[in-house]
Amino acid sequence: MDRQQFLDYLERGDFASLFNEAGWNRPANNRPISHKIDAEKEAFVFKEVAELFVRVLVCETETLPQTAERNALDSRLRKSGESYIAIFVKKGEPCHHLWMVPVKTTDKRSLVRVEYANLSQAEFLFGKMQELQFPIGVTPNVAEVLGRLNKTFQVNSSEVTKRFYREFRQKHNAFVEGIVGIMEQSDREWYASVMLNHLMFCYFIQKKGFLDLDPNYLSNFYNRCLSLIVLPLKRSLCHVLQEGSF
């Protein structure tokens, strides 16, 4: 399978043919599997499209699952097998996909998330799929398949971690430079670290759904404050200034 074939399969959302071309087997059972996580949202319905000791599951959905939903889905899916590749396809945006892959290391198990919204963003995934290709006529054992899967997606996890700390240092340095009123450099650095850690904690519990079950709680709360408090005050102040009764 060359790069263009790979991108054609992605564009059509034909993951069954993609993995079959990579040497994976057709599933023995492709009956839909439904998992409802939120009573107010549609259920996530998965269809198994390929397998090679690891199930490949595809789910079309109106909204891609957030962190809390992905963790809940993982706890359901792993009951039928620890290892799988779950691919979410956003309805109305056929090239907007999210891959969810459990990765196991010696001391932990983590969920790796790979998301792209168009084919140009998905090109990097071709290299990963090359690692998961097996020649026709060669039947790998379970250890080889799991070893390649973990190695392939663990690289993605490590790169994300490195990029996070690199960008954190950049934001931290910019924050420190913008602080006024604190004279000592060490105090400014300490203050910036505390504030960024607090912001990251708030963002974390928001994405886990702990803030009113809203993964976008902070921005939504900010907008509500603007519409209910800040904007009315601004209009009142403008009115007072125009009337000249300030």
C-alpha atoms as a PDB file:
ATOM      1  CA  MET A   1       0.000   0.000   0.000  1.00  0.00           C
ATOM      2  CA  ASP A   2       1.485   3.312  -1.071  1.00  0.00           C
ATOM      3  CA  ARG A   3       0.803   6.765   0.369  1.00  0.00           C
ATOM      4  CA  GLN A   4      -1.863   7.679  -2.211  1.00  0.00           C
ATOM      5  CA  GLN A   5      -3.788   4.431  -1.647  1.00  0.00           C
ATOM      6  CA  PHE A   6      -3.659   5.097   2.085  1.00  0.00           C
ATOM      7  CA  LEU A   7      -5.047   8.616   1.696  1.00  0.00           C
ATOM      8  CA  ASP A   8      -7.763   7.377  -0.691  1.00  0.00           C
ATOM      9  CA  TYR A   9      -8.938   4.870   1.904  1.00  0.00           C
ATOM     10  CA  LEU A  10      -9.024   7.600   4.563  1.00  0.00           C
ATOM     11  CA  GLU A  11     -10.940   9.966   2.287  1.00  0.00           C
ATOM     12  CA  ARG A  12     -13.595   7.293   1.648  1.00  0.00           C
ATOM     13  CA  GLY A  13     -13.606   6.222   5.285  1.00  0.00           C
ATOM     14  CA  ASP A  14     -12.944   2.662   4.049  1.00  0.00           C
ATOM     15  CA  PHE A  15     -11.028   1.339   7.037  1.00  0.00           C
ATOM     16  CA  ALA A  16     -11.977  -2.272   6.277  1.00  0.00           C
ATOM     17  CA  SER A  17     -10.121  -2.144   2.958  1.00  0.00           C
ATOM     18  CA  LEU A  18      -7.259  -0.135   4.480  1.00  0.00           C
ATOM     19  CA  PHE A  19      -6.478  -2.770   7.097  1.00  0.00           C
ATOM     20  CA  ASN A  20      -7.194  -5.660   4.728  1.00  0.00           C
ATOM     21  CA  GLU A  21      -4.620  -4.155   2.337  1.00  0.00           C
ATOM     22  CA  ALA A  22      -2.210  -4.034   5.290  1.00  0.00           C
ATOM     23  CA  GLY A  23      -2.571  -7.788   5.799  1.00  0.00           C
ATOM     24  CA  TRP A  24      -5.198  -7.795   8.540  1.00  0.00           C
ATOM     25  CA  ASN A  25      -8.135 -10.224   8.556  1.00  0.00           C
ATOM     26  CA  ARG A  26     -11.807  -9.583   7.994  1.00  0.00           C
ATOM     27  CA  PRO A  27     -13.712  -9.923  11.290  1.00  0.00           C
ATOM     28  CA  ALA A  28     -15.647 -13.077  12.049  1.00  0.00           C
ATOM     29  CA  ASN A  29     -18.378 -10.981  13.658  1.00  0.00           C
ATOM     30  CA  ASN A  30     -19.184  -7.468  12.472  1.00  0.00           C
ATOM     31  CA  ARG A  31     -22.453  -6.941  14.319  1.00  0.00           C
ATOM     32  CA  PRO A  32     -22.705  -3.383  15.715  1.00  0.00           C
ATOM     33  CA  ILE A  33     -21.794  -2.878  19.368  1.00  0.00           C
ATOM     34  CA  SER A  34     -23.558   0.001  21.149  1.00  0.00           C
ATOM     35  CA  HIS A  35     -22.271   1.798  24.240  1.00  0.00           C
ATOM     36  CA  LYS A  36     -24.255   4.669  25.780  1.00  0.00           C
ATOM     37  CA  ILE A  37     -22.153   6.888  28.027  1.00  0.00           C
ATOM     38  CA  ASP A  38     -24.339   9.984  28.474  1.00  0.00           C
ATOM     39  CA  ALA A  39     -28.106   9.673  28.807  1.00  0.00           C
ATOM     40  CA  GLU A  40     -28.575  12.970  26.940  1.00  0.00           C
ATOM     41  CA  LYS A  41     -26.353  12.031  23.997  1.00  0.00           C
ATOM     42  CA  GLU A  42     -26.508   9.402  21.288  1.00  0.00           C
ATOM     43  CA  ALA A  43     -24.896   6.042  21.933  1.00  0.00           C
ATOM     44  CA  PHE A  44     -21.534   5.227  20.405  1.00  0.00           C
ATOM     45  CA  VAL A  45     -22.108   2.411  17.935  1.00  0.00           C
ATOM     46  CA  PHE A  46     -19.003   0.475  16.882  1.00  0.00           C
ATOM     47  CA  LYS A  47     -18.568  -1.881  13.961  1.00  0.00           C
ATOM     48  CA  GLU A  48     -15.591  -4.228  13.822  1.00  0.00           C
ATOM     49  CA  VAL A  49     -13.947  -3.939  10.397  1.00  0.00           C
ATOM     50  CA  ALA A  50     -10.693  -5.880  10.836  1.00  0.00           C
ATOM     51  CA  GLU A  51      -8.740  -7.948  13.321  1.00  0.00           C
ATOM     52  CA  LEU A  52      -5.307  -9.442  13.849  1.00  0.00           C
ATOM     53  CA  PHE A  53      -5.246 -10.305  17.553  1.00  0.00           C
ATOM     54  CA  VAL A  54      -6.311  -6.643  17.856  1.00  0.00           C
ATOM     55  CA  ARG A  55      -9.801  -5.464  16.942  1.00  0.00           C
ATOM     56  CA  VAL A  56     -10.248  -2.453  14.653  1.00  0.00           C
ATOM     57  CA  LEU A  57     -13.509  -0.680  15.537  1.00  0.00           C
ATOM     58  CA  VAL A  58     -15.137   2.180  13.616  1.00  0.00           C
ATOM     59  CA  CYS A  59     -17.782   4.504  15.048  1.00  0.00           C
ATOM     60  CA  GLU A  60     -19.600   7.308  13.231  1.00  0.00           C
ATOM     61  CA  THR A  61     -20.674  10.030  15.643  1.00  0.00           C
ATOM     62  CA  GLU A  62     -22.050  13.587  15.665  1.00  0.00           C
ATOM     63  CA  THR A  63     -19.397  14.744  18.134  1.00  0.00           C
ATOM     64  CA  LEU A  64     -15.985  13.228  18.798  1.00  0.00           C
ATOM     65  CA  PRO A  65     -15.668  11.880  22.364  1.00  0.00           C
ATOM     66  CA  GLN A  66     -13.982  14.034  24.983  1.00  0.00           C
ATOM     67  CA  THR A  67     -11.483  12.706  27.533  1.00  0.00           C
ATOM     68  CA  ALA A  68     -14.084  11.573  30.083  1.00  0.00           C
ATOM     69  CA  GLU A  69     -16.094   9.813  27.384  1.00  0.00           C
ATOM     70  CA  ARG A  70     -13.002   8.134  25.944  1.00  0.00           C
ATOM     71  CA  ASN A  71     -12.044   6.801  29.358  1.00  0.00           C
ATOM     72  CA  ALA A  72     -15.581   5.484  29.893  1.00  0.00           C
ATOM     73  CA  LEU A  73     -15.610   3.858  26.464  1.00  0.00           C
ATOM     74  CA  ASP A  74     -12.223   2.269  27.125  1.00  0.00           C
ATOM     75  CA  SER A  75     -13.537   0.624  30.298  1.00  0.00           C
ATOM     76  CA  ARG A  76     -16.391  -0.861  28.239  1.00  0.00           C
ATOM     77  CA  LEU A  77     -14.342  -1.921  25.209  1.00  0.00           C
ATOM     78  CA  ARG A  78     -11.561  -3.576  27.174  1.00  0.00           C
ATOM     79  CA  LYS A  79     -14.068  -6.068  28.604  1.00  0.00           C
ATOM     80  CA  SER A  80     -13.951  -7.726  25.175  1.00  0.00           C
ATOM     81  CA  GLY A  81     -10.179  -7.425  24.817  1.00  0.00           C
ATOM     82  CA  GLU A  82      -7.407  -5.254  26.214  1.00  0.00           C
ATOM     83  CA  SER A  83      -6.056  -4.263  22.805  1.00  0.00           C
ATOM     84  CA  TYR A  84      -8.001  -2.489  20.078  1.00  0.00           C
ATOM     85  CA  ILE A  85      -7.913   0.426  17.658  1.00  0.00           C
ATOM     86  CA  ALA A  86     -11.060   2.573  17.846  1.00  0.00           C
ATOM     87  CA  ILE A  87     -11.578   5.057  15.009  1.00  0.00           C
ATOM     88  CA  PHE A  88     -14.233   7.754  15.389  1.00  0.00           C
ATOM     89  CA  VAL A  89     -15.559   9.378  12.212  1.00  0.00           C
ATOM     90  CA  LYS A  90     -17.316  12.732  12.605  1.00  0.00           C
ATOM     91  CA  LYS A  91     -20.585  12.806  10.671  1.00  0.00           C
ATOM     92  CA  GLY A  92     -20.680  15.500   8.003  1.00  0.00           C
ATOM     93  CA  GLU A  93     -16.869  15.712   8.026  1.00  0.00           C
ATOM     94  CA  PRO A  94     -15.733  12.433   6.447  1.00  0.00           C
ATOM     95  CA  CYS A  95     -12.020  13.235   6.787  1.00  0.00           C
ATOM     96  CA  HIS A  96     -12.258  14.278  10.445  1.00  0.00           C
ATOM     97  CA  HIS A  97     -11.198  11.202  12.394  1.00  0.00           C
ATOM     98  CA  LEU A  98     -10.014  10.441  15.908  1.00  0.00           C
ATOM     99  CA  TRP A  99      -8.050   7.256  16.606  1.00  0.00           C
ATOM    100  CA  MET A 100      -7.998   5.913  20.174  1.00  0.00           C
ATOM    101  CA  VAL A 101      -5.377   3.250  20.909  1.00  0.00           C
ATOM    102  CA  PRO A 102      -4.502   1.762  24.325  1.00  0.00           C
ATOM    103  CA  VAL A 103      -0.740   1.548  24.775  1.00  0.00           C
ATOM    104  CA  LYS A 104       0.868  -0.639  27.436  1.00  0.00           C
ATOM    105  CA  THR A 105       4.309  -0.143  28.903  1.00  0.00           C
ATOM    106  CA  THR A 106       5.991  -1.962  31.767  1.00  0.00           C
ATOM    107  CA  ASP A 107       4.394   0.202  34.430  1.00  0.00           C
ATOM    108  CA  LYS A 108       1.207   1.695  32.974  1.00  0.00           C
ATOM    109  CA  ARG A 109      -1.534   1.589  30.376  1.00  0.00           C
ATOM    110  CA  SER A 110      -2.474   4.818  28.616  1.00  0.00           C
ATOM    111  CA  LEU A 111      -4.880   5.902  25.887  1.00  0.00           C
ATOM    112  CA  VAL A 112      -3.189   7.505  22.903  1.00  0.00           C
ATOM    113  CA  ARG A 113      -5.317   9.928  20.887  1.00  0.00           C
ATOM    114  CA  VAL A 114      -4.579  10.784  17.252  1.00  0.00           C
ATOM    115  CA  GLU A 115      -6.868  13.325  15.567  1.00  0.00           C
ATOM    116  CA  TYR A 116      -6.835  14.987  12.155  1.00  0.00           C
ATOM    117  CA  ALA A 117      -9.413  17.117  10.332  1.00  0.00           C
ATOM    118  CA  ASN A 118      -8.196  16.750   6.743  1.00  0.00           C
ATOM    119  CA  LEU A 119      -5.948  14.580   4.573  1.00  0.00           C
ATOM    120  CA  SER A 120      -2.915  16.852   4.823  1.00  0.00           C
ATOM    121  CA  GLN A 121      -2.986  16.520   8.620  1.00  0.00           C
ATOM    122  CA  ALA A 122      -3.338  12.731   8.281  1.00  0.00           C
ATOM    123  CA  GLU A 123      -0.250  12.149   6.129  1.00  0.00           C
ATOM    124  CA  PHE A 124       1.937  11.466   9.181  1.00  0.00           C
ATOM    125  CA  LEU A 125      -0.271   8.453   9.959  1.00  0.00           C
ATOM    126  CA  PHE A 126       0.969   6.691   6.828  1.00  0.00           C
ATOM    127  CA  GLY A 127       4.281   5.986   8.552  1.00  0.00           C
ATOM    128  CA  LYS A 128       2.477   4.415  11.495  1.00  0.00           C
ATOM    129  CA  MET A 129       0.373   2.201   9.236  1.00  0.00           C
ATOM    130  CA  GLN A 130       3.521   0.989   7.487  1.00  0.00           C
ATOM    131  CA  GLU A 131       4.659  -0.396  10.843  1.00  0.00           C
ATOM    132  CA  LEU A 132       1.349  -2.282  11.106  1.00  0.00           C
ATOM    133  CA  GLN A 133       1.523  -3.866   7.643  1.00  0.00           C
ATOM    134  CA  PHE A 134       2.200  -7.598   7.277  1.00  0.00           C
ATOM    135  CA  PRO A 135       3.081  -9.300   3.979  1.00  0.00           C
ATOM    136  CA  ILE A 136       0.471 -11.570   2.423  1.00  0.00           C
ATOM    137  CA  GLY A 137       1.120 -15.167   3.408  1.00  0.00           C
ATOM    138  CA  VAL A 138       2.929 -14.206   6.616  1.00  0.00           C
ATOM    139  CA  THR A 139       0.965 -14.793   9.809  1.00  0.00           C
ATOM    140  CA  PRO A 140       2.465 -12.893  12.741  1.00  0.00           C
ATOM    141  CA  ASN A 141       1.986 -14.043  16.319  1.00  0.00           C
ATOM    142  CA  VAL A 142       0.158 -12.055  18.953  1.00  0.00           C
ATOM    143  CA  ALA A 143       3.378 -10.817  20.571  1.00  0.00           C
ATOM    144  CA  GLU A 144       4.625  -9.346  17.290  1.00  0.00           C
ATOM    145  CA  VAL A 145       1.346  -7.550  16.552  1.00  0.00           C
ATOM    146  CA  LEU A 146       1.039  -6.096  20.055  1.00  0.00           C
ATOM    147  CA  GLY A 147       4.723  -5.174  20.086  1.00  0.00           C
ATOM    148  CA  ARG A 148       4.406  -3.210  16.838  1.00  0.00           C
ATOM    149  CA  LEU A 149       1.165  -1.550  17.956  1.00  0.00           C
ATOM    150  CA  ASN A 150       2.612  -0.385  21.273  1.00  0.00           C
ATOM    151  CA  LYS A 151       5.886   0.759  19.706  1.00  0.00           C
ATOM    152  CA  THR A 152       4.122   2.655  16.911  1.00  0.00           C
ATOM    153  CA  PHE A 153       1.711   4.612  19.074  1.00  0.00           C
ATOM    154  CA  GLN A 154       3.972   4.952  22.101  1.00  0.00           C
ATOM    155  CA  VAL A 155       6.195   7.139  19.892  1.00  0.00           C
ATOM    156  CA  ASN A 156       3.220   9.452  19.405  1.00  0.00           C
ATOM    157  CA  SER A 157       2.640   9.601  23.156  1.00  0.00           C
ATOM    158  CA  SER A 158       6.290  10.470  23.833  1.00  0.00           C
ATOM    159  CA  GLU A 159       6.304  13.187  21.180  1.00  0.00           C
ATOM    160  CA  VAL A 160       3.181  14.753  22.667  1.00  0.00           C
ATOM    161  CA  THR A 161       4.789  14.789  26.126  1.00  0.00           C
ATOM    162  CA  LYS A 162       7.976  16.425  24.813  1.00  0.00           C
ATOM    163  CA  ARG A 163       5.995  19.025  22.877  1.00  0.00           C
ATOM    164  CA  PHE A 164       3.898  19.809  25.968  1.00  0.00           C
ATOM    165  CA  TYR A 165       6.916  20.581  28.147  1.00  0.00           C
ATOM    166  CA  ARG A 166       8.586  22.582  25.371  1.00  0.00           C
ATOM    167  CA  GLU A 167       5.480  24.737  24.888  1.00  0.00           C
ATOM    168  CA  PHE A 168       4.990  25.013  28.663  1.00  0.00           C
ATOM    169  CA  ARG A 169       8.470  26.504  29.038  1.00  0.00           C
ATOM    170  CA  GLN A 170       7.726  28.988  26.256  1.00  0.00           C
ATOM    171  CA  LYS A 171       4.441  30.081  27.851  1.00  0.00           C
ATOM    172  CA  HIS A 172       6.070  30.236  31.283  1.00  0.00           C
ATOM    173  CA  ASN A 173       8.877  32.481  30.039  1.00  0.00           C
ATOM    174  CA  ALA A 174       6.413  34.778  28.260  1.00  0.00           C
ATOM    175  CA  PHE A 175       4.267  34.948  31.420  1.00  0.00           C
ATOM    176  CA  VAL A 176       7.286  35.873  33.554  1.00  0.00           C
ATOM    177  CA  GLU A 177       8.255  38.685  31.157  1.00  0.00           C
ATOM    178  CA  GLY A 178       4.752  40.147  31.357  1.00  0.00           C
ATOM    179  CA  ILE A 179       4.544  40.311  35.166  1.00  0.00           C
ATOM    180  CA  VAL A 180       4.867  43.803  36.696  1.00  0.00           C
ATOM    181  CA  GLY A 181       4.979  44.787  40.351  1.00  0.00           C
ATOM    182  CA  ILE A 182       7.160  41.844  41.470  1.00  0.00           C
ATOM    183  CA  MET A 183      10.790  42.899  41.595  1.00  0.00           C
ATOM    184  CA  GLU A 184      12.712  39.651  42.117  1.00  0.00           C
ATOM    185  CA  GLN A 185      13.136  37.364  39.070  1.00  0.00           C
ATOM    186  CA  SER A 186      12.797  34.230  41.231  1.00  0.00           C
ATOM    187  CA  ASP A 187       9.512  35.524  42.688  1.00  0.00           C
ATOM    188  CA  ARG A 188       8.129  36.242  39.206  1.00  0.00           C
ATOM    189  CA  GLU A 189       9.073  32.736  38.075  1.00  0.00           C
ATOM    190  CA  TRP A 190       7.427  31.215  41.163  1.00  0.00           C
ATOM    191  CA  TYR A 191       4.249  33.258  40.644  1.00  0.00           C
ATOM    192  CA  ALA A 192       4.034  32.278  36.953  1.00  0.00           C
ATOM    193  CA  SER A 193       4.478  28.586  37.827  1.00  0.00           C
ATOM    194  CA  VAL A 194       1.723  28.704  40.447  1.00  0.00           C
ATOM    195  CA  MET A 195      -0.732  30.449  38.124  1.00  0.00           C
ATOM    196  CA  LEU A 196      -0.048  28.111  35.186  1.00  0.00           C
ATOM    197  CA  ASN A 197      -0.390  25.040  37.417  1.00  0.00           C
ATOM    198  CA  HIS A 198      -3.741  26.322  38.684  1.00  0.00           C
ATOM    199  CA  LEU A 199      -4.925  26.977  35.134  1.00  0.00           C
ATOM    200  CA  MET A 200      -3.851  23.494  34.001  1.00  0.00           C
ATOM    201  CA  PHE A 201      -5.662  21.915  36.950  1.00  0.00           C
ATOM    202  CA  CYS A 202      -8.854  23.803  36.095  1.00  0.00           C
ATOM    203  CA  TYR A 203      -8.523  22.751  32.456  1.00  0.00           C
ATOM    204  CA  PHE A 204      -7.952  19.120  33.490  1.00  0.00           C
ATOM    205  CA  ILE A 205     -11.045  18.842  35.703  1.00  0.00           C
ATOM    206  CA  GLN A 206     -13.049  20.670  33.023  1.00  0.00           C
ATOM    207  CA  LYS A 207     -12.088  18.140  30.316  1.00  0.00           C
ATOM    208  CA  LYS A 208     -12.844  15.287  32.739  1.00  0.00           C
ATOM    209  CA  GLY A 209     -16.401  16.642  32.928  1.00  0.00           C
ATOM    210  CA  PHE A 210     -16.195  17.508  36.642  1.00  0.00           C
ATOM    211  CA  LEU A 211     -17.415  21.098  36.118  1.00  0.00           C
ATOM    212  CA  ASP A 212     -21.144  20.886  35.531  1.00  0.00           C
ATOM    213  CA  LEU A 213     -20.513  17.975  33.096  1.00  0.00           C
ATOM    214  CA  ASP A 214     -19.404  20.595  30.554  1.00  0.00           C
ATOM    215  CA  PRO A 215     -16.029  19.966  28.802  1.00  0.00           C
ATOM    216  CA  ASN A 216     -16.005  23.659  27.762  1.00  0.00           C
ATOM    217  CA  TYR A 217     -17.172  25.016  31.118  1.00  0.00           C
ATOM    218  CA  LEU A 218     -14.526  27.737  31.534  1.00  0.00           C
ATOM    219  CA  SER A 219     -15.092  29.426  28.169  1.00  0.00           C
ATOM    220  CA  ASN A 220     -18.865  29.031  28.486  1.00  0.00           C
ATOM    221  CA  PHE A 221     -18.803  30.481  32.012  1.00  0.00           C
ATOM    222  CA  TYR A 222     -16.668  33.386  30.778  1.00  0.00           C
ATOM    223  CA  ASN A 223     -19.168  34.111  27.998  1.00  0.00           C
ATOM    224  CA  ARG A 224     -22.070  33.984  30.453  1.00  0.00           C
ATOM    225  CA  CYS A 225     -20.282  36.476  32.714  1.00  0.00           C
ATOM    226  CA  LEU A 226     -19.716  38.761  29.745  1.00  0.00           C
ATOM    227  CA  SER A 227     -23.368  38.695  28.704  1.00  0.00           C
ATOM    228  CA  LEU A 228     -24.862  38.910  32.215  1.00  0.00           C
ATOM    229  CA  ILE A 229     -22.459  41.254  34.020  1.00  0.00           C
ATOM    230  CA  VAL A 230     -19.709  42.902  31.984  1.00  0.00           C
ATOM    231  CA  LEU A 231     -21.670  43.981  28.896  1.00  0.00           C
ATOM    232  CA  PRO A 232     -24.649  45.422  30.882  1.00  0.00           C
ATOM    233  CA  LEU A 233     -22.189  47.389  33.056  1.00  0.00           C
ATOM    234  CA  LYS A 234     -20.421  48.662  29.954  1.00  0.00           C
ATOM    235  CA  ARG A 235     -23.707  49.781  28.409  1.00  0.00           C
ATOM    236  CA  SER A 236     -24.732  51.501  31.649  1.00  0.00           C
ATOM    237  CA  LEU A 237     -21.409  53.341  31.848  1.00  0.00           C
ATOM    238  CA  CYS A 238     -21.697  54.497  28.217  1.00  0.00           C
ATOM    239  CA  HIS A 239     -25.216  55.726  28.933  1.00  0.00           C
ATOM    240  CA  VAL A 240     -24.055  57.683  31.963  1.00  0.00           C
ATOM    241  CA  LEU A 241     -21.183  59.259  30.043  1.00  0.00           C
ATOM    242  CA  GLN A 242     -23.493  60.232  27.163  1.00  0.00           C
ATOM    243  CA  GLU A 243     -25.950  61.824  29.579  1.00  0.00           C
ATOM    244  CA  GLY A 244     -23.156  63.750  31.207  1.00  0.00           C
ATOM    245  CA  SER A 245     -24.306  62.761  34.698  1.00  0.00           C
ATOM    246  CA  PHE A 246     -21.069  61.002  35.673  1.00  0.00           C
END
